[in-house]
Amino acid sequence: MYIGGGSRQLGAGGYIQLVVFSAVIAAVMLRDWVRTRGLRRSMPAMGFEYTGAMLPGSFPWVATSVLWASLIYNAYVGDRGGKEVVVFDCKFGRGRSSYRQTVIAVHGSQNCFGAERFDISLVTERAADWTLIFRPRRLLPLAEIQTLVSNI
């Protein structure tokens, strides 16, 4: 078989690499699809509304580290105990050097997060009268998002 119109043939090793590459891409796409589907089922059940890439106008975007995100997605807005809460995923950078992380933000003090704020793997950030919590360079698993939101 000829690839790209050149005179080089794709050997058995090339086919194996192509299959492995395709399998990795398919696995990543499946993982993302399962996570998105899980969020779309569980977040409305917790009283959150899907907003896509839209964050509320009261969210202090420019005063946070999220300002540098190249993409916002899977955003949900809700109310927990009279406090506005935002949950969203974001992507930083491009290409191989990019990474994604989940952010949970509460319109209130860091005490809103309870004991979770003492988890050293979670970063707490204050901006205006909002508190953000996230694990740097990581997407939070669905169960952890549910736990953090439930404890607000």
Protein backbone atom coordinates (compact mmCIF):
# COMPACT_ATOMS: atom_id res chain seq x y z
CA MET A 1 0.00 0.00 0.00
CA TYR A 2 1.30 3.45 -0.86
CA ILE A 3 0.85 6.37 1.57
CA GLY A 4 0.87 10.01 0.52
CA GLY A 5 1.60 9.37 -3.14
CA GLY A 6 5.29 8.74 -2.48
CA SER A 7 7.22 5.65 -3.36
CA ARG A 8 7.55 4.40 0.25
CA GLN A 9 5.48 1.43 1.31
CA LEU A 10 3.89 1.05 4.71
CA GLY A 11 5.31 -2.17 6.17
CA ALA A 12 3.99 -4.41 8.93
CA GLY A 13 5.56 -2.19 11.62
CA GLY A 14 3.84 0.85 10.14
CA TYR A 15 0.48 -0.90 10.22
CA ILE A 16 1.00 -1.86 13.85
CA GLN A 17 1.88 1.72 14.76
CA LEU A 18 -1.19 2.98 12.92
CA VAL A 19 -3.45 0.50 14.75
CA VAL A 20 -1.94 1.38 18.16
CA PHE A 21 -2.25 5.11 17.49
CA SER A 22 -5.88 4.68 16.40
CA ALA A 23 -6.66 2.60 19.50
CA VAL A 24 -5.19 5.24 21.81
CA ILE A 25 -7.20 8.00 20.12
CA ALA A 26 -10.38 5.90 20.34
CA ALA A 27 -9.75 5.16 24.05
CA VAL A 28 -9.29 8.86 24.86
CA MET A 29 -12.44 9.79 22.95
CA LEU A 30 -14.42 7.06 24.71
CA ARG A 31 -13.15 8.16 28.14
CA ASP A 32 -14.16 11.77 27.44
CA TRP A 33 -17.57 10.70 26.13
CA VAL A 34 -18.25 8.58 29.24
CA ARG A 35 -17.21 11.43 31.55
CA THR A 36 -19.32 14.00 29.72
CA ARG A 37 -22.32 11.68 29.73
CA GLY A 38 -21.86 11.05 33.47
CA LEU A 39 -21.76 14.78 34.16
CA ARG A 40 -24.85 15.40 32.03
CA ARG A 41 -26.75 12.80 34.06
CA SER A 42 -25.55 13.57 37.58
CA MET A 43 -25.24 17.36 37.66
CA PRO A 44 -28.91 18.11 36.80
CA ALA A 45 -29.90 15.57 39.46
CA MET A 46 -27.96 17.74 41.94
CA GLY A 47 -29.82 20.87 40.79
CA PHE A 48 -27.26 22.17 38.30
CA GLU A 49 -27.95 23.55 34.86
CA TYR A 50 -25.68 22.81 31.90
CA THR A 51 -24.34 26.02 30.35
CA GLY A 52 -21.78 24.57 27.93
CA ALA A 53 -18.90 27.05 27.88
CA MET A 54 -20.72 29.95 29.57
CA LEU A 55 -19.75 31.05 33.08
CA PRO A 56 -22.00 33.39 35.09
CA GLY A 57 -21.41 37.12 34.74
CA SER A 58 -20.64 37.37 38.45
CA PHE A 59 -17.69 34.97 38.12
CA PRO A 60 -14.44 37.00 38.38
CA TRP A 61 -12.84 35.48 35.28
CA VAL A 62 -9.97 37.96 34.91
CA ALA A 63 -8.95 37.71 38.59
CA THR A 64 -8.35 33.93 38.46
CA SER A 65 -5.76 31.56 37.04
CA VAL A 66 -8.52 30.30 34.73
CA LEU A 67 -7.98 33.47 32.69
CA TRP A 68 -5.22 31.59 30.84
CA ALA A 69 -7.48 28.70 29.78
CA SER A 70 -7.74 28.22 26.04
CA LEU A 71 -11.08 26.40 26.36
CA ILE A 72 -13.95 26.18 28.86
CA TYR A 73 -16.38 23.27 28.55
CA ASN A 74 -18.73 21.06 30.59
CA ALA A 75 -19.85 24.10 32.61
CA TYR A 76 -22.66 23.74 35.14
CA VAL A 77 -24.21 26.40 37.35
CA GLY A 78 -26.29 25.74 40.43
CA ASP A 79 -27.18 26.77 43.94
CA ARG A 80 -26.03 25.00 47.11
CA GLY A 81 -27.26 26.37 50.42
CA GLY A 82 -27.99 29.78 48.91
CA LYS A 83 -24.53 30.04 47.34
CA GLU A 84 -23.92 30.20 43.60
CA VAL A 85 -21.73 27.29 42.49
CA VAL A 86 -20.00 26.75 39.16
CA VAL A 87 -18.38 23.50 38.01
CA PHE A 88 -16.45 23.41 34.76
CA ASP A 89 -13.58 21.81 32.89
CA CYS A 90 -10.95 23.88 31.17
CA LYS A 91 -8.00 23.29 28.90
CA PHE A 92 -4.71 25.16 29.09
CA GLY A 93 -2.22 25.37 26.25
CA ARG A 94 -2.22 23.68 22.88
CA GLY A 95 -1.01 20.43 21.44
CA ARG A 96 1.18 18.06 23.40
CA SER A 97 1.93 20.60 26.10
CA SER A 98 -1.76 21.15 26.90
CA TYR A 99 -3.52 19.91 30.01
CA ARG A 100 -7.04 19.93 31.38
CA GLN A 101 -8.43 20.51 34.84
CA THR A 102 -11.76 20.69 36.63
CA VAL A 103 -12.62 23.79 38.65
CA ILE A 104 -15.34 24.08 41.28
CA ALA A 105 -16.10 27.66 42.30
CA VAL A 106 -18.37 28.93 45.08
CA HIS A 107 -19.60 32.46 45.50
CA GLY A 108 -18.46 32.51 49.14
CA SER A 109 -15.56 31.88 51.49
CA GLN A 110 -13.18 28.93 51.41
CA ASN A 111 -15.01 27.54 54.44
CA CYS A 112 -17.75 26.52 51.99
CA PHE A 113 -15.70 23.48 51.02
CA GLY A 114 -15.44 22.05 54.54
CA ALA A 115 -12.65 19.60 55.32
CA GLU A 116 -11.79 19.13 51.62
CA ARG A 117 -10.02 22.49 51.61
CA PHE A 118 -7.28 20.87 53.76
CA ASP A 119 -6.49 18.23 51.11
CA ILE A 120 -2.96 19.19 50.05
CA SER A 121 -3.52 17.91 46.50
CA LEU A 122 -6.32 20.46 46.02
CA VAL A 123 -5.52 24.10 45.38
CA THR A 124 -7.78 26.79 46.79
CA GLU A 125 -7.81 30.17 45.06
CA ARG A 126 -9.66 33.33 46.11
CA ALA A 127 -10.89 35.87 43.58
CA ALA A 128 -13.16 38.74 44.61
CA ASP A 129 -15.78 37.02 46.77
CA TRP A 130 -15.44 33.63 45.05
CA THR A 131 -13.44 30.58 46.13
CA LEU A 132 -12.12 28.14 43.53
CA ILE A 133 -10.88 24.66 44.28
CA PHE A 134 -9.11 22.38 41.80
CA ARG A 135 -6.43 19.75 41.43
CA PRO A 136 -3.80 21.34 39.16
CA ARG A 137 -3.52 19.80 35.71
CA ARG A 138 -6.14 17.13 36.45
CA LEU A 139 -9.74 16.46 35.65
CA LEU A 140 -11.60 15.52 38.81
CA PRO A 141 -13.41 12.18 38.64
CA LEU A 142 -17.19 12.38 38.66
CA ALA A 143 -17.43 10.87 42.17
CA GLU A 144 -15.04 13.50 43.57
CA ILE A 145 -16.99 16.32 41.93
CA GLN A 146 -20.18 14.98 43.50
CA THR A 147 -18.53 14.74 46.92
CA LEU A 148 -17.06 18.24 46.79
CA VAL A 149 -20.35 19.76 45.61
CA SER A 150 -22.43 17.80 48.13
CA ASN A 151 -20.30 19.10 51.00
CA ILE A 152 -20.84 22.77 50.09
